[in-house]
Amino acid sequence: MSKHWYADYTASITNGDDKLTVNKVRGCNWADIIIETDSLEAGEIMLRNREQAEQLHFMLGQLLERRDDE
């Protein structure tokens, strides 16, 4: 088992009344990503395996990539 399997954590970032939270429970690969907009829950994503997390990582990397034409 990897160290990730045994990890148990919550991380949040808040900007005004908006909040993004990632929860990962010990003993499973699943993680929940919860978004609140204007202090109201606006959506939730459940990542159920490493492949989903890797794909989300790739997509966010594409959004954050610096482009020379900007």
Protein backbone atom coordinates (compact mmCIF):
# COMPACT_ATOMS: atom_id res chain seq x y z
CA MET A 1 0.00 0.00 0.00
CA SER A 2 1.18 3.51 -0.78
CA LYS A 3 1.53 6.35 1.70
CA HIS A 4 -1.42 7.97 -0.11
CA TRP A 5 -3.67 5.08 1.01
CA TYR A 6 -2.97 5.89 4.67
CA ALA A 7 -3.27 9.66 4.25
CA ASP A 8 -6.20 11.48 5.82
CA TYR A 9 -6.44 15.17 5.00
CA THR A 10 -8.59 18.17 4.24
CA ALA A 11 -7.39 21.26 2.39
CA SER A 12 -9.41 24.39 1.66
CA ILE A 13 -8.92 27.68 -0.11
CA THR A 14 -11.30 30.58 0.49
CA ASN A 15 -11.74 33.70 -1.62
CA GLY A 16 -14.42 35.99 -0.26
CA ASP A 17 -17.61 33.92 0.02
CA ASP A 18 -16.26 31.19 -2.31
CA LYS A 19 -14.53 28.09 -0.99
CA LEU A 20 -12.90 25.02 -2.54
CA THR A 21 -12.28 21.99 -0.30
CA VAL A 22 -10.55 18.67 -0.96
CA ASN A 23 -11.21 15.79 1.48
CA LYS A 24 -9.36 12.47 1.42
CA VAL A 25 -10.20 9.74 3.93
CA ARG A 26 -7.64 7.27 5.31
CA GLY A 27 -7.83 3.78 3.87
CA CYS A 28 -9.26 4.57 0.44
CA ASN A 29 -8.25 6.19 -2.84
CA TRP A 30 -11.38 8.33 -3.03
CA ALA A 31 -11.32 12.10 -2.60
CA ASP A 32 -14.16 14.61 -2.60
CA ILE A 33 -13.81 18.08 -4.09
CA ILE A 34 -16.50 20.48 -2.88
CA ILE A 35 -17.11 23.99 -4.21
CA GLU A 36 -19.12 26.64 -2.39
CA THR A 37 -20.18 29.83 -4.13
CA ASP A 38 -21.54 32.72 -2.07
CA SER A 39 -21.36 30.39 0.98
CA LEU A 40 -23.76 27.86 -0.65
CA GLU A 41 -22.68 24.41 -1.84
CA ALA A 42 -22.49 24.65 -5.63
CA GLY A 43 -21.15 21.23 -6.59
CA GLU A 44 -19.13 18.20 -5.67
CA ILE A 45 -16.76 15.89 -7.55
CA MET A 46 -15.81 12.46 -6.27
CA LEU A 47 -12.50 11.11 -7.55
CA ARG A 48 -12.65 7.34 -7.19
CA ASN A 49 -9.23 6.33 -8.47
CA ARG A 50 -5.76 7.53 -9.36
CA GLU A 51 -6.53 7.75 -13.08
CA GLN A 52 -9.30 10.28 -12.46
CA ALA A 53 -6.99 12.36 -10.26
CA GLU A 54 -4.27 12.25 -12.93
CA GLN A 55 -6.71 13.37 -15.64
CA LEU A 56 -7.95 16.26 -13.47
CA HIS A 57 -4.32 17.21 -12.79
CA PHE A 58 -3.63 17.24 -16.55
CA MET A 59 -6.71 19.35 -17.35
CA LEU A 60 -5.92 21.89 -14.61
CA GLY A 61 -2.33 22.02 -15.84
CA GLN A 62 -3.61 22.89 -19.31
CA LEU A 63 -5.74 25.70 -17.86
CA LEU A 64 -2.79 27.09 -15.91
CA GLU A 65 -0.19 26.72 -18.63
CA ARG A 66 1.36 30.00 -19.64
CA ARG A 67 0.85 30.71 -23.29
CA ASP A 68 3.20 32.92 -25.30
CA ASP A 69 0.25 34.45 -27.22
CA GLU A 70 -1.36 35.92 -24.08
